[in-house]
């Protein structure tokens, strides 16, 4: 998921540099959403992975 976020960020940067504002803005918004979803899933996996089963 982090890879997709980086892909959309690169698309947004290239589109913004070439003057395609709408495409760049949309790609940036998608990249931002994917990055925050990745962060939430990463924190959840860290928390679940650190639990100790004493049984």
PDB file of N, CA and C in Angstrom:
ATOM      1  N   UNK A   1       0.820  -1.182   0.000  1.00  0.00           N
ATOM      2  CA  UNK A   1       0.000   0.000   0.000  1.00  0.00           C
ATOM      3  C   UNK A   1       0.871   1.255   0.000  1.00  0.00           C
ATOM      4  N   UNK A   2       1.993   1.177   0.687  1.00  0.00           N
ATOM      5  CA  UNK A   2       2.905   2.316   0.673  1.00  0.00           C
ATOM      6  C   UNK A   2       3.468   2.525  -0.729  1.00  0.00           C
ATOM      7  N   UNK A   3       3.660   1.448  -1.443  1.00  0.00           N
ATOM      8  CA  UNK A   3       4.135   1.552  -2.821  1.00  0.00           C
ATOM      9  C   UNK A   3       3.152   2.282  -3.722  1.00  0.00           C
ATOM     10  N   UNK A   4       1.871   1.969  -3.572  1.00  0.00           N
ATOM     11  CA  UNK A   4       0.850   2.657  -4.358  1.00  0.00           C
ATOM     12  C   UNK A   4       0.792   4.129  -3.996  1.00  0.00           C
ATOM     13  N   UNK A   5       0.961   4.423  -2.714  1.00  0.00           N
ATOM     14  CA  UNK A   5       0.962   5.812  -2.287  1.00  0.00           C
ATOM     15  C   UNK A   5       2.104   6.578  -2.947  1.00  0.00           C
ATOM     16  N   UNK A   6       3.279   5.956  -3.017  1.00  0.00           N
ATOM     17  CA  UNK A   6       4.418   6.611  -3.655  1.00  0.00           C
ATOM     18  C   UNK A   6       4.197   6.766  -5.161  1.00  0.00           C
ATOM     19  N   UNK A   7       3.567   5.787  -5.793  1.00  0.00           N
ATOM     20  CA  UNK A   7       3.277   5.881  -7.221  1.00  0.00           C
ATOM     21  C   UNK A   7       2.360   7.058  -7.506  1.00  0.00           C
ATOM     22  N   UNK A   8       1.299   7.200  -6.717  1.00  0.00           N
ATOM     23  CA  UNK A   8       0.380   8.308  -6.932  1.00  0.00           C
ATOM     24  C   UNK A   8       1.028   9.644  -6.602  1.00  0.00           C
ATOM     25  N   UNK A   9       1.945   9.669  -5.638  1.00  0.00           N
ATOM     26  CA  UNK A   9       2.659  10.900  -5.328  1.00  0.00           C
ATOM     27  C   UNK A   9       3.554  11.309  -6.492  1.00  0.00           C
ATOM     28  N   UNK A  10       4.231  10.364  -7.105  1.00  0.00           N
ATOM     29  CA  UNK A  10       5.074  10.671  -8.260  1.00  0.00           C
ATOM     30  C   UNK A  10       4.217  11.157  -9.431  1.00  0.00           C
ATOM     31  N   UNK A  11       3.069  10.516  -9.641  1.00  0.00           N
ATOM     32  CA  UNK A  11       2.152  10.958 -10.697  1.00  0.00           C
ATOM     33  C   UNK A  11       1.701  12.382 -10.433  1.00  0.00           C
ATOM     34  N   UNK A  12       1.392  12.689  -9.174  1.00  0.00           N
ATOM     35  CA  UNK A  12       0.948  14.039  -8.830  1.00  0.00           C
ATOM     36  C   UNK A  12       2.057  15.058  -9.076  1.00  0.00           C
ATOM     37  N   UNK A  13       3.281  14.706  -8.722  1.00  0.00           N
ATOM     38  CA  UNK A  13       4.388  15.643  -8.936  1.00  0.00           C
ATOM     39  C   UNK A  13       4.643  15.888 -10.420  1.00  0.00           C
ATOM     40  N   UNK A  14       4.607  14.824 -11.220  1.00  0.00           N
ATOM     41  CA  UNK A  14       4.833  14.976 -12.660  1.00  0.00           C
ATOM     42  C   UNK A  14       3.695  15.766 -13.296  1.00  0.00           C
ATOM     43  N   UNK A  15       2.463  15.447 -12.930  1.00  0.00           N
ATOM     44  CA  UNK A  15       1.314  16.159 -13.500  1.00  0.00           C
ATOM     45  C   UNK A  15       1.335  17.626 -13.084  1.00  0.00           C
ATOM     46  N   UNK A  16       1.712  17.907 -11.852  1.00  0.00           N
ATOM     47  CA  UNK A  16       1.799  19.290 -11.409  1.00  0.00           C
ATOM     48  C   UNK A  16       2.885  20.054 -12.134  1.00  0.00           C
ATOM     49  N   UNK A  17       4.017  19.404 -12.391  1.00  0.00           N
ATOM     50  CA  UNK A  17       5.108  20.061 -13.105  1.00  0.00           C
ATOM     51  C   UNK A  17       4.744  20.336 -14.560  1.00  0.00           C
ATOM     52  N   UNK A  18       3.916  19.492 -15.141  1.00  0.00           N
ATOM     53  CA  UNK A  18       3.518  19.676 -16.538  1.00  0.00           C
ATOM     54  C   UNK A  18       2.292  20.569 -16.695  1.00  0.00           C
ATOM     55  N   UNK A  19       1.705  21.001 -15.580  1.00  0.00           N
ATOM     56  CA  UNK A  19       0.586  21.918 -15.655  1.00  0.00           C
ATOM     57  C   UNK A  19      -0.787  21.283 -15.630  1.00  0.00           C
ATOM     58  N   UNK A  20      -0.865  20.006 -15.347  1.00  0.00           N
ATOM     59  CA  UNK A  20      -2.165  19.338 -15.239  1.00  0.00           C
ATOM     60  C   UNK A  20      -2.615  19.383 -13.782  1.00  0.00           C
ATOM     61  N   UNK A  21      -3.191  20.490 -13.385  1.00  0.00           N
ATOM     62  CA  UNK A  21      -3.536  20.714 -11.982  1.00  0.00           C
ATOM     63  C   UNK A  21      -4.595  19.767 -11.457  1.00  0.00           C
ATOM     64  N   UNK A  22      -5.615  19.509 -12.239  1.00  0.00           N
ATOM     65  CA  UNK A  22      -6.700  18.649 -11.766  1.00  0.00           C
ATOM     66  C   UNK A  22      -6.216  17.216 -11.575  1.00  0.00           C
ATOM     67  N   UNK A  23      -5.456  16.714 -12.522  1.00  0.00           N
ATOM     68  CA  UNK A  23      -4.923  15.354 -12.413  1.00  0.00           C
ATOM     69  C   UNK A  23      -3.942  15.274 -11.251  1.00  0.00           C
ATOM     70  N   UNK A  24      -3.106  16.291 -11.113  1.00  0.00           N
ATOM     71  CA  UNK A  24      -2.135  16.314 -10.019  1.00  0.00           C
ATOM     72  C   UNK A  24      -2.804  16.382  -8.661  1.00  0.00           C
ATOM     73  N   UNK A  25      -3.833  17.197  -8.552  1.00  0.00           N
ATOM     74  CA  UNK A  25      -4.554  17.312  -7.284  1.00  0.00           C
ATOM     75  C   UNK A  25      -5.270  16.029  -6.910  1.00  0.00           C
ATOM     76  N   UNK A  26      -5.858  15.386  -7.892  1.00  0.00           N
ATOM     77  CA  UNK A  26      -6.543  14.119  -7.641  1.00  0.00           C
ATOM     78  C   UNK A  26      -5.564  13.029  -7.235  1.00  0.00           C
ATOM     79  N   UNK A  27      -4.450  12.946  -7.928  1.00  0.00           N
ATOM     80  CA  UNK A  27      -3.439  11.942  -7.589  1.00  0.00           C
ATOM     81  C   UNK A  27      -2.855  12.211  -6.199  1.00  0.00           C
ATOM     82  N   UNK A  28      -2.673  13.486  -5.859  1.00  0.00           N
ATOM     83  CA  UNK A  28      -2.173  13.836  -4.533  1.00  0.00           C
ATOM     84  C   UNK A  28      -3.163  13.431  -3.450  1.00  0.00           C
ATOM     85  N   UNK A  29      -4.444  13.652  -3.685  1.00  0.00           N
ATOM     86  CA  UNK A  29      -5.458  13.281  -2.691  1.00  0.00           C
ATOM     87  C   UNK A  29      -5.491  11.767  -2.496  1.00  0.00           C
ATOM     88  N   UNK A  30      -5.393  11.018  -3.582  1.00  0.00           N
ATOM     89  CA  UNK A  30      -5.370   9.554  -3.486  1.00  0.00           C
ATOM     90  C   UNK A  30      -4.132   9.092  -2.734  1.00  0.00           C
ATOM     91  N   UNK A  31      -2.991   9.698  -3.030  1.00  0.00           N
ATOM     92  CA  UNK A  31      -1.746   9.330  -2.352  1.00  0.00           C
ATOM     93  C   UNK A  31      -1.834   9.610  -0.858  1.00  0.00           C
ATOM     94  N   UNK A  32      -2.431  10.721  -0.497  1.00  0.00           N
ATOM     95  CA  UNK A  32      -2.561  11.083   0.915  1.00  0.00           C
ATOM     96  C   UNK A  32      -3.465  10.107   1.657  1.00  0.00           C
ATOM     97  N   UNK A  33      -4.576   9.742   1.051  1.00  0.00           N
ATOM     98  CA  UNK A  33      -5.495   8.791   1.676  1.00  0.00           C
ATOM     99  C   UNK A  33      -4.826   7.433   1.846  1.00  0.00           C
ATOM    100  N   UNK A  34      -4.160   6.964   0.802  1.00  0.00           N
ATOM    101  CA  UNK A  34      -3.490   5.665   0.885  1.00  0.00           C
ATOM    102  C   UNK A  34      -2.392   5.670   1.934  1.00  0.00           C
ATOM    103  N   UNK A  35      -1.677   6.780   2.063  1.00  0.00           N
ATOM    104  CA  UNK A  35      -0.610   6.862   3.059  1.00  0.00           C
ATOM    105  C   UNK A  35      -1.171   6.782   4.468  1.00  0.00           C
ATOM    106  N   UNK A  36      -2.274   7.478   4.738  1.00  0.00           N
ATOM    107  CA  UNK A  36      -2.843   7.433   6.076  1.00  0.00           C
ATOM    108  C   UNK A  36      -3.477   6.072   6.381  1.00  0.00           C
ATOM    109  N   UNK A  37      -4.048   5.429   5.383  1.00  0.00           N
ATOM    110  CA  UNK A  37      -4.550   4.066   5.586  1.00  0.00           C
ATOM    111  C   UNK A  37      -3.399   3.135   5.906  1.00  0.00           C
ATOM    112  N   UNK A  38      -2.276   3.297   5.190  1.00  0.00           N
ATOM    113  CA  UNK A  38      -1.088   2.498   5.482  1.00  0.00           C
ATOM    114  C   UNK A  38      -0.609   2.732   6.907  1.00  0.00           C
ATOM    115  N   UNK A  39      -0.575   3.987   7.345  1.00  0.00           N
ATOM    116  CA  UNK A  39      -0.124   4.280   8.709  1.00  0.00           C
ATOM    117  C   UNK A  39      -1.010   3.618   9.755  1.00  0.00           C
ATOM    118  N   UNK A  40      -2.317   3.695   9.561  1.00  0.00           N
ATOM    119  CA  UNK A  40      -3.244   3.091  10.519  1.00  0.00           C
ATOM    120  C   UNK A  40      -3.053   1.575  10.560  1.00  0.00           C
ATOM    121  N   UNK A  41      -2.958   0.944   9.398  1.00  0.00           N
ATOM    122  CA  UNK A  41      -2.762  -0.503   9.378  1.00  0.00           C
ATOM    123  C   UNK A  41      -1.408  -0.899   9.959  1.00  0.00           C
ATOM    124  N   UNK A  42      -0.385  -0.080   9.739  1.00  0.00           N
ATOM    125  CA  UNK A  42       0.937  -0.355  10.294  1.00  0.00           C
ATOM    126  C   UNK A  42       0.923  -0.284  11.818  1.00  0.00           C
ATOM    127  N   UNK A  43       0.270   0.728  12.374  1.00  0.00           N
ATOM    128  CA  UNK A  43       0.194   0.855  13.834  1.00  0.00           C
ATOM    129  C   UNK A  43      -0.607  -0.291  14.431  1.00  0.00           C
ATOM    130  N   UNK A  44      -1.698  -0.670  13.775  1.00  0.00           N
ATOM    131  CA  UNK A  44      -2.500  -1.790  14.262  1.00  0.00           C
ATOM    132  C   UNK A  44      -1.683  -3.081  14.249  1.00  0.00           C
ATOM    133  N   UNK A  45      -0.907  -3.292  13.192  1.00  0.00           N
ATOM    134  CA  UNK A  45      -0.100  -4.509  13.134  1.00  0.00           C
ATOM    135  C   UNK A  45       1.014  -4.488  14.175  1.00  0.00           C
ATOM    136  N   UNK A  46       1.559  -3.320  14.468  1.00  0.00           N
ATOM    137  CA  UNK A  46       2.564  -3.228  15.534  1.00  0.00           C
ATOM    138  C   UNK A  46       1.965  -3.576  16.895  1.00  0.00           C
ATOM    139  N   UNK A  47       0.781  -3.066  17.156  1.00  0.00           N
ATOM    140  CA  UNK A  47       0.127  -3.315  18.441  1.00  0.00           C
ATOM    141  C   UNK A  47      -0.250  -4.789  18.573  1.00  0.00           C
ATOM    142  N   UNK A  48      -0.805  -5.360  17.515  1.00  0.00           N
ATOM    143  CA  UNK A  48      -1.207  -6.772  17.575  1.00  0.00           C
ATOM    144  C   UNK A  48      -0.002  -7.697  17.642  1.00  0.00           C
ATOM    145  N   UNK A  49       1.108  -7.329  17.060  1.00  0.00           N
ATOM    146  CA  UNK A  49       2.287  -8.164  17.047  1.00  0.00           C
ATOM    147  C   UNK A  49       3.018  -8.178  18.374  1.00  0.00           C
ATOM    148  N   UNK A  50       2.791  -7.209  19.223  1.00  0.00           N
ATOM    149  CA  UNK A  50       3.516  -7.085  20.476  1.00  0.00           C
ATOM    150  C   UNK A  50       2.798  -7.762  21.632  1.00  0.00           C
ATOM    151  N   UNK A  51       1.590  -8.267  21.394  1.00  0.00           N
ATOM    152  CA  UNK A  51       0.857  -8.939  22.464  1.00  0.00           C
ATOM    153  C   UNK A  51       1.538 -10.248  22.824  1.00  0.00           C
ATOM    154  N   UNK A  52       1.528 -10.549  24.099  1.00  0.00           N
ATOM    155  CA  UNK A  52       2.148 -11.775  24.579  1.00  0.00           C
ATOM    156  C   UNK A  52       1.047 -12.734  25.010  1.00  0.00           C
ATOM    157  N   UNK A  53       1.117 -13.955  24.498  1.00  0.00           N
ATOM    158  CA  UNK A  53       0.138 -14.977  24.868  1.00  0.00           C
ATOM    159  C   UNK A  53       0.733 -15.820  25.969  1.00  0.00           C
ATOM    160  N   UNK A  54       0.171 -15.764  27.191  1.00  0.00           N
ATOM    161  CA  UNK A  54       0.724 -16.465  28.342  1.00  0.00           C
ATOM    162  C   UNK A  54       0.071 -17.817  28.599  1.00  0.00           C
ATOM    163  N   UNK A  55      -0.723 -18.314  27.691  1.00  0.00           N
ATOM    164  CA  UNK A  55      -1.379 -19.612  27.910  1.00  0.00           C
ATOM    165  C   UNK A  55      -0.603 -20.728  27.313  1.00  0.00           C
TER     166      UNK A  55
END
